[in-house]
Amino acid sequence: MKLLLAGLVVFLVVETHAQWYRFPVEAAQGSRDMWRAYSDMREANWKNSDKYFHARGNQDAAARGAGSRWAAEVISNGREWAQGLGDSGRGREDSEADQVANRHGRDGGDLNIYRPKGLPEKY
């Protein structure tokens, strides 16, 4: 009986704190948030808007929870890593600036510092 009671207490404590079952769902939702920001960036085709959309995608994803934040970080890091493999023409400084915008978004920073003038309110 004591073992059953101890198991029940451990289960309740772990369940209320970990909520591990949400992680994969949040990761999928975060991936969609990142894709939506990428799609919006391509649709807007607005000069100097890259950092804004980096920050926005990361912020939207991170707001959902730990799984989404993880997905945003993995996608952001993977993109910058892959971009460094080829000749994207952007260089190391641009990649580092992208990562700063990514972290700024994930940390819930103000997106307007990256928003270019004239970008339609739709975005």
PDB file of N, CA and C in Angstrom:
ATOM      1  N   MET A   1       0.823  -1.185   0.000  1.00  0.00           N
ATOM      2  CA  MET A   1       0.000   0.000   0.000  1.00  0.00           C
ATOM      3  C   MET A   1       0.873   1.258   0.000  1.00  0.00           C
ATOM      4  N   LYS A   2       1.958   1.225   0.805  1.00  0.00           N
ATOM      5  CA  LYS A   2       2.853   2.376   0.851  1.00  0.00           C
ATOM      6  C   LYS A   2       3.510   2.621  -0.506  1.00  0.00           C
ATOM      7  N   LEU A   3       3.875   1.548  -1.168  1.00  0.00           N
ATOM      8  CA  LEU A   3       4.497   1.672  -2.488  1.00  0.00           C
ATOM      9  C   LEU A   3       3.518   2.273  -3.493  1.00  0.00           C
ATOM     10  N   LEU A   4       2.275   1.846  -3.451  1.00  0.00           N
ATOM     11  CA  LEU A   4       1.257   2.391  -4.338  1.00  0.00           C
ATOM     12  C   LEU A   4       1.027   3.877  -4.064  1.00  0.00           C
ATOM     13  N   LEU A   5       0.952   4.243  -2.800  1.00  0.00           N
ATOM     14  CA  LEU A   5       0.769   5.637  -2.417  1.00  0.00           C
ATOM     15  C   LEU A   5       1.971   6.486  -2.849  1.00  0.00           C
ATOM     16  N   ALA A   6       3.174   5.975  -2.652  1.00  0.00           N
ATOM     17  CA  ALA A   6       4.385   6.696  -3.066  1.00  0.00           C
ATOM     18  C   ALA A   6       4.411   6.867  -4.586  1.00  0.00           C
ATOM     19  N   GLY A   7       4.038   5.817  -5.301  1.00  0.00           N
ATOM     20  CA  GLY A   7       3.991   5.902  -6.763  1.00  0.00           C
ATOM     21  C   GLY A   7       2.981   6.937  -7.232  1.00  0.00           C
ATOM     22  N   LEU A   8       1.829   6.994  -6.587  1.00  0.00           N
ATOM     23  CA  LEU A   8       0.807   7.970  -6.938  1.00  0.00           C
ATOM     24  C   LEU A   8       1.291   9.398  -6.679  1.00  0.00           C
ATOM     25  N   VAL A   9       1.950   9.630  -5.558  1.00  0.00           N
ATOM     26  CA  VAL A   9       2.479  10.962  -5.232  1.00  0.00           C
ATOM     27  C   VAL A   9       3.541  11.370  -6.251  1.00  0.00           C
ATOM     28  N   VAL A  10       4.455  10.457  -6.570  1.00  0.00           N
ATOM     29  CA  VAL A  10       5.499  10.767  -7.554  1.00  0.00           C
ATOM     30  C   VAL A  10       4.865  11.082  -8.904  1.00  0.00           C
ATOM     31  N   PHE A  11       3.899  10.289  -9.313  1.00  0.00           N
ATOM     32  CA  PHE A  11       3.230  10.528 -10.597  1.00  0.00           C
ATOM     33  C   PHE A  11       2.578  11.908 -10.624  1.00  0.00           C
ATOM     34  N   LEU A  12       1.877  12.280  -9.572  1.00  0.00           N
ATOM     35  CA  LEU A  12       1.207  13.578  -9.530  1.00  0.00           C
ATOM     36  C   LEU A  12       2.203  14.735  -9.533  1.00  0.00           C
ATOM     37  N   VAL A  13       3.290  14.603  -8.797  1.00  0.00           N
ATOM     38  CA  VAL A  13       4.294  15.661  -8.755  1.00  0.00           C
ATOM     39  C   VAL A  13       4.965  15.816 -10.116  1.00  0.00           C
ATOM     40  N   VAL A  14       5.376  14.710 -10.709  1.00  0.00           N
ATOM     41  CA  VAL A  14       6.039  14.753 -12.010  1.00  0.00           C
ATOM     42  C   VAL A  14       5.080  15.262 -13.080  1.00  0.00           C
ATOM     43  N   GLU A  15       3.857  14.793 -13.061  1.00  0.00           N
ATOM     44  CA  GLU A  15       2.876  15.181 -14.073  1.00  0.00           C
ATOM     45  C   GLU A  15       2.595  16.675 -14.052  1.00  0.00           C
ATOM     46  N   THR A  16       2.472  17.247 -12.863  1.00  0.00           N
ATOM     47  CA  THR A  16       2.150  18.668 -12.798  1.00  0.00           C
ATOM     48  C   THR A  16       3.322  19.549 -13.178  1.00  0.00           C
ATOM     49  N   HIS A  17       4.542  19.068 -13.020  1.00  0.00           N
ATOM     50  CA  HIS A  17       5.706  19.896 -13.329  1.00  0.00           C
ATOM     51  C   HIS A  17       6.252  19.661 -14.729  1.00  0.00           C
ATOM     52  N   ALA A  18       6.284  18.457 -15.185  1.00  0.00           N
ATOM     53  CA  ALA A  18       6.954  18.149 -16.445  1.00  0.00           C
ATOM     54  C   ALA A  18       6.062  18.386 -17.663  1.00  0.00           C
ATOM     55  N   GLN A  19       4.867  17.877 -17.616  1.00  0.00           N
ATOM     56  CA  GLN A  19       3.950  17.928 -18.743  1.00  0.00           C
ATOM     57  C   GLN A  19       4.665  17.559 -20.047  1.00  0.00           C
ATOM     58  N   TRP A  20       5.423  16.486 -20.000  1.00  0.00           N
ATOM     59  CA  TRP A  20       6.229  16.017 -21.115  1.00  0.00           C
ATOM     60  C   TRP A  20       5.396  15.686 -22.340  1.00  0.00           C
ATOM     61  N   TYR A  21       4.144  15.321 -22.145  1.00  0.00           N
ATOM     62  CA  TYR A  21       3.305  14.916 -23.262  1.00  0.00           C
ATOM     63  C   TYR A  21       2.994  16.079 -24.207  1.00  0.00           C
ATOM     64  N   ARG A  22       3.151  17.322 -23.766  1.00  0.00           N
ATOM     65  CA  ARG A  22       2.881  18.486 -24.611  1.00  0.00           C
ATOM     66  C   ARG A  22       4.053  18.828 -25.540  1.00  0.00           C
ATOM     67  N   PHE A  23       5.236  18.379 -25.185  1.00  0.00           N
ATOM     68  CA  PHE A  23       6.444  18.772 -25.909  1.00  0.00           C
ATOM     69  C   PHE A  23       6.370  18.502 -27.412  1.00  0.00           C
ATOM     70  N   PRO A  24       6.012  17.284 -27.854  1.00  0.00           N
ATOM     71  CA  PRO A  24       5.965  17.034 -29.298  1.00  0.00           C
ATOM     72  C   PRO A  24       4.905  17.870 -30.018  1.00  0.00           C
ATOM     73  N   VAL A  25       3.772  18.089 -29.388  1.00  0.00           N
ATOM     74  CA  VAL A  25       2.724  18.909 -29.999  1.00  0.00           C
ATOM     75  C   VAL A  25       3.212  20.347 -30.132  1.00  0.00           C
ATOM     76  N   GLU A  26       3.818  20.867 -29.065  1.00  0.00           N
ATOM     77  CA  GLU A  26       4.351  22.231 -29.111  1.00  0.00           C
ATOM     78  C   GLU A  26       5.453  22.357 -30.158  1.00  0.00           C
ATOM     79  N   ALA A  27       6.290  21.329 -30.283  1.00  0.00           N
ATOM     80  CA  ALA A  27       7.367  21.365 -31.280  1.00  0.00           C
ATOM     81  C   ALA A  27       6.777  21.463 -32.690  1.00  0.00           C
ATOM     82  N   ALA A  28       5.724  20.722 -32.952  1.00  0.00           N
ATOM     83  CA  ALA A  28       5.079  20.787 -34.270  1.00  0.00           C
ATOM     84  C   ALA A  28       4.457  22.164 -34.490  1.00  0.00           C
ATOM     85  N   GLN A  29       3.826  22.711 -33.459  1.00  0.00           N
ATOM     86  CA  GLN A  29       3.231  24.040 -33.578  1.00  0.00           C
ATOM     87  C   GLN A  29       4.314  25.099 -33.795  1.00  0.00           C
ATOM     88  N   GLY A  30       5.425  24.971 -33.097  1.00  0.00           N
ATOM     89  CA  GLY A  30       6.530  25.903 -33.275  1.00  0.00           C
ATOM     90  C   GLY A  30       7.116  25.832 -34.673  1.00  0.00           C
ATOM     91  N   SER A  31       7.178  24.648 -35.221  1.00  0.00           N
ATOM     92  CA  SER A  31       7.652  24.485 -36.600  1.00  0.00           C
ATOM     93  C   SER A  31       6.722  25.201 -37.569  1.00  0.00           C
ATOM     94  N   ARG A  32       5.425  25.101 -37.321  1.00  0.00           N
ATOM     95  CA  ARG A  32       4.462  25.816 -38.161  1.00  0.00           C
ATOM     96  C   ARG A  32       4.625  27.329 -38.031  1.00  0.00           C
ATOM     97  N   ASP A  33       4.888  27.810 -36.823  1.00  0.00           N
ATOM     98  CA  ASP A  33       5.109  29.243 -36.618  1.00  0.00           C
ATOM     99  C   ASP A  33       6.324  29.719 -37.404  1.00  0.00           C
ATOM    100  N   MET A  34       7.372  28.921 -37.385  1.00  0.00           N
ATOM    101  CA  MET A  34       8.584  29.283 -38.128  1.00  0.00           C
ATOM    102  C   MET A  34       8.300  29.271 -39.634  1.00  0.00           C
ATOM    103  N   TRP A  35       7.552  28.283 -40.102  1.00  0.00           N
ATOM    104  CA  TRP A  35       7.218  28.205 -41.531  1.00  0.00           C
ATOM    105  C   TRP A  35       6.346  29.396 -41.939  1.00  0.00           C
ATOM    106  N   ARG A  36       5.402  29.773 -41.072  1.00  0.00           N
ATOM    107  CA  ARG A  36       4.536  30.906 -41.388  1.00  0.00           C
ATOM    108  C   ARG A  36       5.356  32.198 -41.514  1.00  0.00           C
ATOM    109  N   ALA A  37       6.312  32.395 -40.612  1.00  0.00           N
ATOM    110  CA  ALA A  37       7.162  33.593 -40.692  1.00  0.00           C
ATOM    111  C   ALA A  37       7.988  33.577 -41.974  1.00  0.00           C
ATOM    112  N   TYR A  38       8.506  32.411 -42.335  1.00  0.00           N
ATOM    113  CA  TYR A  38       9.281  32.285 -43.563  1.00  0.00           C
ATOM    114  C   TYR A  38       8.399  32.579 -44.782  1.00  0.00           C
ATOM    115  N   SER A  39       7.197  32.011 -44.792  1.00  0.00           N
ATOM    116  CA  SER A  39       6.273  32.237 -45.909  1.00  0.00           C
ATOM    117  C   SER A  39       5.892  33.707 -46.016  1.00  0.00           C
ATOM    118  N   ASP A  40       5.642  34.340 -44.875  1.00  0.00           N
ATOM    119  CA  ASP A  40       5.311  35.760 -44.877  1.00  0.00           C
ATOM    120  C   ASP A  40       6.478  36.601 -45.389  1.00  0.00           C
ATOM    121  N   MET A  41       7.693  36.221 -45.025  1.00  0.00           N
ATOM    122  CA  MET A  41       8.867  36.947 -45.496  1.00  0.00           C
ATOM    123  C   MET A  41       8.967  36.854 -47.016  1.00  0.00           C
ATOM    124  N   ARG A  42       8.748  35.662 -47.544  1.00  0.00           N
ATOM    125  CA  ARG A  42       8.813  35.471 -48.998  1.00  0.00           C
ATOM    126  C   ARG A  42       7.684  36.236 -49.697  1.00  0.00           C
ATOM    127  N   GLU A  43       6.504  36.203 -49.098  1.00  0.00           N
ATOM    128  CA  GLU A  43       5.367  36.908 -49.688  1.00  0.00           C
ATOM    129  C   GLU A  43       5.577  38.425 -49.658  1.00  0.00           C
ATOM    130  N   ALA A  44       6.054  38.937 -48.533  1.00  0.00           N
ATOM    131  CA  ALA A  44       6.256  40.381 -48.392  1.00  0.00           C
ATOM    132  C   ALA A  44       7.335  40.875 -49.348  1.00  0.00           C
ATOM    133  N   ASN A  45       8.396  40.085 -49.483  1.00  0.00           N
ATOM    134  CA  ASN A  45       9.494  40.443 -50.373  1.00  0.00           C
ATOM    135  C   ASN A  45       9.927  41.899 -50.134  1.00  0.00           C
ATOM    136  N   TRP A  46      10.119  42.226 -48.842  1.00  0.00           N
ATOM    137  CA  TRP A  46      10.397  43.592 -48.426  1.00  0.00           C
ATOM    138  C   TRP A  46      11.873  43.746 -48.079  1.00  0.00           C
ATOM    139  N   LYS A  47      12.472  44.772 -48.590  1.00  0.00           N
ATOM    140  CA  LYS A  47      13.893  45.017 -48.364  1.00  0.00           C
ATOM    141  C   LYS A  47      14.178  45.211 -46.864  1.00  0.00           C
ATOM    142  N   ASN A  48      15.255  44.578 -46.400  1.00  0.00           N
ATOM    143  CA  ASN A  48      15.723  44.682 -45.011  1.00  0.00           C
ATOM    144  C   ASN A  48      14.726  44.145 -43.977  1.00  0.00           C
ATOM    145  N   SER A  49      13.906  43.180 -44.356  1.00  0.00           N
ATOM    146  CA  SER A  49      12.933  42.627 -43.410  1.00  0.00           C
ATOM    147  C   SER A  49      13.369  41.279 -42.830  1.00  0.00           C
ATOM    148  N   ASP A  50      14.504  40.765 -43.255  1.00  0.00           N
ATOM    149  CA  ASP A  50      14.971  39.440 -42.849  1.00  0.00           C
ATOM    150  C   ASP A  50      15.029  39.279 -41.327  1.00  0.00           C
ATOM    151  N   LYS A  51      15.665  40.211 -40.657  1.00  0.00           N
ATOM    152  CA  LYS A  51      15.830  40.108 -39.200  1.00  0.00           C
ATOM    153  C   LYS A  51      14.481  40.160 -38.489  1.00  0.00           C
ATOM    154  N   TYR A  52      13.564  40.991 -38.995  1.00  0.00           N
ATOM    155  CA  TYR A  52      12.231  41.079 -38.403  1.00  0.00           C
ATOM    156  C   TYR A  52      11.534  39.720 -38.443  1.00  0.00           C
ATOM    157  N   PHE A  53      11.571  39.071 -39.595  1.00  0.00           N
ATOM    158  CA  PHE A  53      10.884  37.787 -39.716  1.00  0.00           C
ATOM    159  C   PHE A  53      11.590  36.685 -38.931  1.00  0.00           C
ATOM    160  N   HIS A  54      12.914  36.779 -38.807  1.00  0.00           N
ATOM    161  CA  HIS A  54      13.629  35.842 -37.929  1.00  0.00           C
ATOM    162  C   HIS A  54      13.114  35.988 -36.497  1.00  0.00           C
ATOM    163  N   ALA A  55      13.091  37.215 -36.024  1.00  0.00           N
ATOM    164  CA  ALA A  55      12.662  37.472 -34.645  1.00  0.00           C
ATOM    165  C   ALA A  55      11.191  37.089 -34.451  1.00  0.00           C
ATOM    166  N   ARG A  56      10.346  37.425 -35.416  1.00  0.00           N
ATOM    167  CA  ARG A  56       8.919  37.131 -35.285  1.00  0.00           C
ATOM    168  C   ARG A  56       8.633  35.635 -35.244  1.00  0.00           C
ATOM    169  N   GLY A  57       9.262  34.877 -36.123  1.00  0.00           N
ATOM    170  CA  GLY A  57       9.048  33.433 -36.119  1.00  0.00           C
ATOM    171  C   GLY A  57       9.478  32.804 -34.805  1.00  0.00           C
ATOM    172  N   ASN A  58      10.624  33.226 -34.300  1.00  0.00           N
ATOM    173  CA  ASN A  58      11.111  32.692 -33.028  1.00  0.00           C
ATOM    174  C   ASN A  58      10.217  33.111 -31.866  1.00  0.00           C
ATOM    175  N   GLN A  59       9.729  34.354 -31.889  1.00  0.00           N
ATOM    176  CA  GLN A  59       8.865  34.811 -30.806  1.00  0.00           C
ATOM    177  C   GLN A  59       7.527  34.077 -30.812  1.00  0.00           C
ATOM    178  N   ASP A  60       6.935  33.944 -31.978  1.00  0.00           N
ATOM    179  CA  ASP A  60       5.658  33.227 -32.075  1.00  0.00           C
ATOM    180  C   ASP A  60       5.807  31.797 -31.566  1.00  0.00           C
ATOM    181  N   ALA A  61       6.875  31.142 -31.967  1.00  0.00           N
ATOM    182  CA  ALA A  61       7.083  29.754 -31.558  1.00  0.00           C
ATOM    183  C   ALA A  61       7.363  29.652 -30.060  1.00  0.00           C
ATOM    184  N   ALA A  62       8.257  30.477 -29.548  1.00  0.00           N
ATOM    185  CA  ALA A  62       8.650  30.381 -28.139  1.00  0.00           C
ATOM    186  C   ALA A  62       7.491  30.675 -27.194  1.00  0.00           C
ATOM    187  N   ALA A  63       6.524  31.455 -27.647  1.00  0.00           N
ATOM    188  CA  ALA A  63       5.390  31.802 -26.796  1.00  0.00           C
ATOM    189  C   ALA A  63       4.501  30.598 -26.493  1.00  0.00           C
ATOM    190  N   ARG A  64       4.587  29.559 -27.287  1.00  0.00           N
ATOM    191  CA  ARG A  64       3.726  28.384 -27.098  1.00  0.00           C
ATOM    192  C   ARG A  64       4.193  27.467 -25.976  1.00  0.00           C
ATOM    193  N   GLY A  65       5.479  27.435 -25.695  1.00  0.00           N
ATOM    194  CA  GLY A  65       5.967  26.552 -24.647  1.00  0.00           C
ATOM    195  C   GLY A  65       7.341  25.995 -24.967  1.00  0.00           C
ATOM    196  N   ALA A  66       7.789  25.088 -24.117  1.00  0.00           N
ATOM    197  CA  ALA A  66       9.145  24.546 -24.204  1.00  0.00           C
ATOM    198  C   ALA A  66       9.393  23.803 -25.522  1.00  0.00           C
ATOM    199  N   GLY A  67       8.438  23.027 -25.980  1.00  0.00           N
ATOM    200  CA  GLY A  67       8.617  22.277 -27.223  1.00  0.00           C
ATOM    201  C   GLY A  67       8.752  23.191 -28.426  1.00  0.00           C
ATOM    202  N   SER A  68       7.949  24.243 -28.461  1.00  0.00           N
ATOM    203  CA  SER A  68       8.015  25.194 -29.566  1.00  0.00           C
ATOM    204  C   SER A  68       9.296  26.004 -29.524  1.00  0.00           C
ATOM    205  N   ARG A  69       9.712  26.373 -28.324  1.00  0.00           N
ATOM    206  CA  ARG A  69      10.970  27.114 -28.179  1.00  0.00           C
ATOM    207  C   ARG A  69      12.137  26.263 -28.686  1.00  0.00           C
ATOM    208  N   TRP A  70      12.116  24.982 -28.324  1.00  0.00           N
ATOM    209  CA  TRP A  70      13.153  24.061 -28.773  1.00  0.00           C
ATOM    210  C   TRP A  70      13.148  23.965 -30.297  1.00  0.00           C
ATOM    211  N   ALA A  71      11.964  23.819 -30.891  1.00  0.00           N
ATOM    212  CA  ALA A  71      11.862  23.711 -32.348  1.00  0.00           C
ATOM    213  C   ALA A  71      12.397  24.967 -33.024  1.00  0.00           C
ATOM    214  N   ALA A  72      12.064  26.131 -32.482  1.00  0.00           N
ATOM    215  CA  ALA A  72      12.544  27.389 -33.059  1.00  0.00           C
ATOM    216  C   ALA A  72      14.061  27.465 -33.003  1.00  0.00           C
ATOM    217  N   GLU A  73      14.632  27.031 -31.903  1.00  0.00           N
ATOM    218  CA  GLU A  73      16.092  27.070 -31.765  1.00  0.00           C
ATOM    219  C   GLU A  73      16.762  26.097 -32.735  1.00  0.00           C
ATOM    220  N   VAL A  74      16.223  24.901 -32.843  1.00  0.00           N
ATOM    221  CA  VAL A  74      16.800  23.896 -33.747  1.00  0.00           C
ATOM    222  C   VAL A  74      16.689  24.361 -35.200  1.00  0.00           C
ATOM    223  N   ILE A  75      15.534  24.868 -35.584  1.00  0.00           N
ATOM    224  CA  ILE A  75      15.347  25.334 -36.955  1.00  0.00           C
ATOM    225  C   ILE A  75      16.264  26.515 -37.255  1.00  0.00           C
ATOM    226  N   SER A  76      16.334  27.465 -36.328  1.00  0.00           N
ATOM    227  CA  SER A  76      17.187  28.645 -36.529  1.00  0.00           C
ATOM    228  C   SER A  76      18.653  28.263 -36.642  1.00  0.00           C
ATOM    229  N   ASN A  77      19.112  27.426 -35.724  1.00  0.00           N
ATOM    230  CA  ASN A  77      20.512  27.004 -35.759  1.00  0.00           C
ATOM    231  C   ASN A  77      20.811  26.185 -37.004  1.00  0.00           C
ATOM    232  N   GLY A  78      19.892  25.312 -37.377  1.00  0.00           N
ATOM    233  CA  GLY A  78      20.085  24.496 -38.577  1.00  0.00           C
ATOM    234  C   GLY A  78      20.140  25.335 -39.842  1.00  0.00           C
ATOM    235  N   ARG A  79      19.303  26.332 -39.901  1.00  0.00           N
ATOM    236  CA  ARG A  79      19.300  27.215 -41.078  1.00  0.00           C
ATOM    237  C   ARG A  79      20.622  27.960 -41.193  1.00  0.00           C
ATOM    238  N   GLU A  80      21.087  28.503 -40.089  1.00  0.00           N
ATOM    239  CA  GLU A  80      22.340  29.263 -40.137  1.00  0.00           C
ATOM    240  C   GLU A  80      23.527  28.339 -40.419  1.00  0.00           C
ATOM    241  N   TRP A  81      23.476  27.125 -39.893  1.00  0.00           N
ATOM    242  CA  TRP A  81      24.548  26.164 -40.151  1.00  0.00           C
ATOM    243  C   TRP A  81      24.571  25.802 -41.641  1.00  0.00           C
ATOM    244  N   ALA A  82      23.377  25.493 -42.196  1.00  0.00           N
ATOM    245  CA  ALA A  82      23.299  25.112 -43.606  1.00  0.00           C
ATOM    246  C   ALA A  82      23.690  26.280 -44.511  1.00  0.00           C
ATOM    247  N   GLN A  83      23.325  27.470 -44.110  1.00  0.00           N
ATOM    248  CA  GLN A  83      23.670  28.649 -44.892  1.00  0.00           C
ATOM    249  C   GLN A  83      25.186  28.841 -44.919  1.00  0.00           C
ATOM    250  N   GLY A  84      25.847  28.455 -43.854  1.00  0.00           N
ATOM    251  CA  GLY A  84      27.305  28.584 -43.789  1.00  0.00           C
ATOM    252  C   GLY A  84      28.027  27.570 -44.647  1.00  0.00           C
ATOM    253  N   LEU A  85      27.363  26.467 -44.990  1.00  0.00           N
ATOM    254  CA  LEU A  85      27.992  25.429 -45.813  1.00  0.00           C
ATOM    255  C   LEU A  85      28.135  25.864 -47.266  1.00  0.00           C
ATOM    256  N   GLY A  86      27.104  26.499 -47.765  1.00  0.00           N
ATOM    257  CA  GLY A  86      27.111  26.912 -49.173  1.00  0.00           C
ATOM    258  C   GLY A  86      27.619  28.333 -49.321  1.00  0.00           C
ATOM    259  N   ASP A  87      27.556  28.807 -50.526  1.00  0.00           N
ATOM    260  CA  ASP A  87      27.961  30.175 -50.801  1.00  0.00           C
ATOM    261  C   ASP A  87      26.702  31.022 -50.910  1.00  0.00           C
ATOM    262  N   SER A  88      26.161  31.410 -49.751  1.00  0.00           N
ATOM    263  CA  SER A  88      24.930  32.192 -49.745  1.00  0.00           C
ATOM    264  C   SER A  88      25.199  33.652 -50.071  1.00  0.00           C
ATOM    265  N   GLY A  89      26.453  34.076 -49.977  1.00  0.00           N
ATOM    266  CA  GLY A  89      26.795  35.443 -50.285  1.00  0.00           C
ATOM    267  C   GLY A  89      26.506  36.412 -49.160  1.00  0.00           C
ATOM    268  N   ARG A  90      26.071  35.903 -48.018  1.00  0.00           N
ATOM    269  CA  ARG A  90      25.691  36.785 -46.923  1.00  0.00           C
ATOM    270  C   ARG A  90      26.804  36.971 -45.900  1.00  0.00           C
ATOM    271  N   GLY A  91      27.605  35.983 -45.704  1.00  0.00           N
ATOM    272  CA  GLY A  91      28.737  36.110 -44.811  1.00  0.00           C
ATOM    273  C   GLY A  91      28.447  35.814 -43.352  1.00  0.00           C
ATOM    274  N   ARG A  92      29.525  35.705 -42.615  1.00  0.00           N
ATOM    275  CA  ARG A  92      29.462  35.358 -41.191  1.00  0.00           C
ATOM    276  C   ARG A  92      28.761  36.434 -40.364  1.00  0.00           C
ATOM    277  N   GLU A  93      29.007  37.689 -40.675  1.00  0.00           N
ATOM    278  CA  GLU A  93      28.413  38.776 -39.898  1.00  0.00           C
ATOM    279  C   GLU A  93      26.887  38.755 -40.001  1.00  0.00           C
ATOM    280  N   ASP A  94      26.385  38.498 -41.204  1.00  0.00           N
ATOM    281  CA  ASP A  94      24.943  38.440 -41.394  1.00  0.00           C
ATOM    282  C   ASP A  94      24.344  37.256 -40.641  1.00  0.00           C
ATOM    283  N   SER A  95      25.042  36.136 -40.658  1.00  0.00           N
ATOM    284  CA  SER A  95      24.575  34.957 -39.939  1.00  0.00           C
ATOM    285  C   SER A  95      24.528  35.221 -38.435  1.00  0.00           C
ATOM    286  N   GLU A  96      25.549  35.886 -37.930  1.00  0.00           N
ATOM    287  CA  GLU A  96      25.566  36.227 -36.496  1.00  0.00           C
ATOM    288  C   GLU A  96      24.442  37.204 -36.158  1.00  0.00           C
ATOM    289  N   ALA A  97      24.185  38.169 -37.053  1.00  0.00           N
ATOM    290  CA  ALA A  97      23.092  39.117 -36.833  1.00  0.00           C
ATOM    291  C   ALA A  97      21.740  38.396 -36.860  1.00  0.00           C
ATOM    292  N   ASP A  98      21.600  37.394 -37.727  1.00  0.00           N
ATOM    293  CA  ASP A  98      20.379  36.579 -37.759  1.00  0.00           C
ATOM    294  C   ASP A  98      20.190  35.875 -36.417  1.00  0.00           C
ATOM    295  N   GLN A  99      21.272  35.329 -35.888  1.00  0.00           N
ATOM    296  CA  GLN A  99      21.177  34.613 -34.613  1.00  0.00           C
ATOM    297  C   GLN A  99      20.808  35.552 -33.465  1.00  0.00           C
ATOM    298  N   VAL A 100      21.319  36.781 -33.503  1.00  0.00           N
ATOM    299  CA  VAL A 100      20.943  37.763 -32.483  1.00  0.00           C
ATOM    300  C   VAL A 100      19.439  38.027 -32.570  1.00  0.00           C
ATOM    301  N   ALA A 101      18.924  38.202 -33.789  1.00  0.00           N
ATOM    302  CA  ALA A 101      17.487  38.421 -33.979  1.00  0.00           C
ATOM    303  C   ALA A 101      16.694  37.194 -33.529  1.00  0.00           C
ATOM    304  N   ASN A 102      17.198  36.004 -33.813  1.00  0.00           N
ATOM    305  CA  ASN A 102      16.523  34.773 -33.379  1.00  0.00           C
ATOM    306  C   ASN A 102      16.401  34.735 -31.862  1.00  0.00           C
ATOM    307  N   ARG A 103      17.507  34.978 -31.165  1.00  0.00           N
ATOM    308  CA  ARG A 103      17.487  34.963 -29.696  1.00  0.00           C
ATOM    309  C   ARG A 103      16.589  36.065 -29.141  1.00  0.00           C
ATOM    310  N   HIS A 104      16.643  37.245 -29.763  1.00  0.00           N
ATOM    311  CA  HIS A 104      15.812  38.370 -29.335  1.00  0.00           C
ATOM    312  C   HIS A 104      14.334  37.977 -29.393  1.00  0.00           C
ATOM    313  N   GLY A 105      13.942  37.339 -30.467  1.00  0.00           N
ATOM    314  CA  GLY A 105      12.562  36.886 -30.605  1.00  0.00           C
ATOM    315  C   GLY A 105      12.197  35.816 -29.596  1.00  0.00           C
ATOM    316  N   ARG A 106      13.064  34.816 -29.433  1.00  0.00           N
ATOM    317  CA  ARG A 106      12.779  33.741 -28.467  1.00  0.00           C
ATOM    318  C   ARG A 106      12.680  34.261 -27.047  1.00  0.00           C
ATOM    319  N   ASP A 107      13.432  35.327 -26.750  1.00  0.00           N
ATOM    320  CA  ASP A 107      13.411  35.894 -25.401  1.00  0.00           C
ATOM    321  C   ASP A 107      12.272  36.881 -25.193  1.00  0.00           C
ATOM    322  N   GLY A 108      11.429  37.059 -26.207  1.00  0.00           N
ATOM    323  CA  GLY A 108      10.258  37.912 -26.069  1.00  0.00           C
ATOM    324  C   GLY A 108      10.536  39.397 -26.244  1.00  0.00           C
ATOM    325  N   GLY A 109      11.614  39.728 -26.938  1.00  0.00           N
ATOM    326  CA  GLY A 109      11.970  41.130 -27.152  1.00  0.00           C
ATOM    327  C   GLY A 109      11.011  41.849 -28.093  1.00  0.00           C
ATOM    328  N   ASP A 110      11.156  43.163 -28.138  1.00  0.00           N
ATOM    329  CA  ASP A 110      10.312  44.018 -28.980  1.00  0.00           C
ATOM    330  C   ASP A 110      10.680  43.820 -30.448  1.00  0.00           C
ATOM    331  N   LEU A 111       9.746  43.342 -31.239  1.00  0.00           N
ATOM    332  CA  LEU A 111       9.990  43.072 -32.654  1.00  0.00           C
ATOM    333  C   LEU A 111      10.147  44.349 -33.474  1.00  0.00           C
ATOM    334  N   ASN A 112       9.624  45.444 -32.978  1.00  0.00           N
ATOM    335  CA  ASN A 112       9.644  46.685 -33.754  1.00  0.00           C
ATOM    336  C   ASN A 112      11.052  47.221 -33.998  1.00  0.00           C
ATOM    337  N   ILE A 113      12.022  46.776 -33.213  1.00  0.00           N
ATOM    338  CA  ILE A 113      13.390  47.255 -33.479  1.00  0.00           C
ATOM    339  C   ILE A 113      13.927  46.667 -34.783  1.00  0.00           C
ATOM    340  N   TYR A 114      13.343  45.567 -35.235  1.00  0.00           N
ATOM    341  CA  TYR A 114      13.750  44.942 -36.496  1.00  0.00           C
ATOM    342  C   TYR A 114      12.781  45.235 -37.639  1.00  0.00           C
ATOM    343  N   ARG A 115      11.650  45.828 -37.327  1.00  0.00           N
ATOM    344  CA  ARG A 115      10.619  46.049 -38.353  1.00  0.00           C
ATOM    345  C   ARG A 115      11.052  47.181 -39.291  1.00  0.00           C
ATOM    346  N   PRO A 116      11.152  46.887 -40.595  1.00  0.00           N
ATOM    347  CA  PRO A 116      11.545  47.949 -41.540  1.00  0.00           C
ATOM    348  C   PRO A 116      10.391  48.925 -41.770  1.00  0.00           C
ATOM    349  N   LYS A 117      10.739  50.155 -42.059  1.00  0.00           N
ATOM    350  CA  LYS A 117       9.728  51.174 -42.330  1.00  0.00           C
ATOM    351  C   LYS A 117       8.937  50.796 -43.580  1.00  0.00           C
ATOM    352  N   GLY A 118       7.632  50.974 -43.476  1.00  0.00           N
ATOM    353  CA  GLY A 118       6.763  50.743 -44.621  1.00  0.00           C
ATOM    354  C   GLY A 118       6.269  49.314 -44.769  1.00  0.00           C
ATOM    355  N   LEU A 119       6.774  48.385 -43.955  1.00  0.00           N
ATOM    356  CA  LEU A 119       6.294  46.998 -44.048  1.00  0.00           C
ATOM    357  C   LEU A 119       4.801  46.982 -43.726  1.00  0.00           C
ATOM    358  N   PRO A 120       3.982  46.407 -44.594  1.00  0.00           N
ATOM    359  CA  PRO A 120       2.533  46.408 -44.358  1.00  0.00           C
ATOM    360  C   PRO A 120       2.169  45.825 -42.986  1.00  0.00           C
ATOM    361  N   GLU A 121       1.123  46.377 -42.398  1.00  0.00           N
ATOM    362  CA  GLU A 121       0.666  45.952 -41.063  1.00  0.00           C
ATOM    363  C   GLU A 121       0.269  44.482 -41.035  1.00  0.00           C
ATOM    364  N   LYS A 122      -0.046  43.927 -42.196  1.00  0.00           N
ATOM    365  CA  LYS A 122      -0.407  42.509 -42.290  1.00  0.00           C
ATOM    366  C   LYS A 122       0.649  41.630 -41.632  1.00  0.00           C
ATOM    367  N   TYR A 123       1.901  42.075 -41.684  1.00  0.00           N
ATOM    368  CA  TYR A 123       3.008  41.285 -41.160  1.00  0.00           C
ATOM    369  C   TYR A 123       3.390  41.770 -39.788  1.00  0.00           C
TER     370      TYR A 123
END
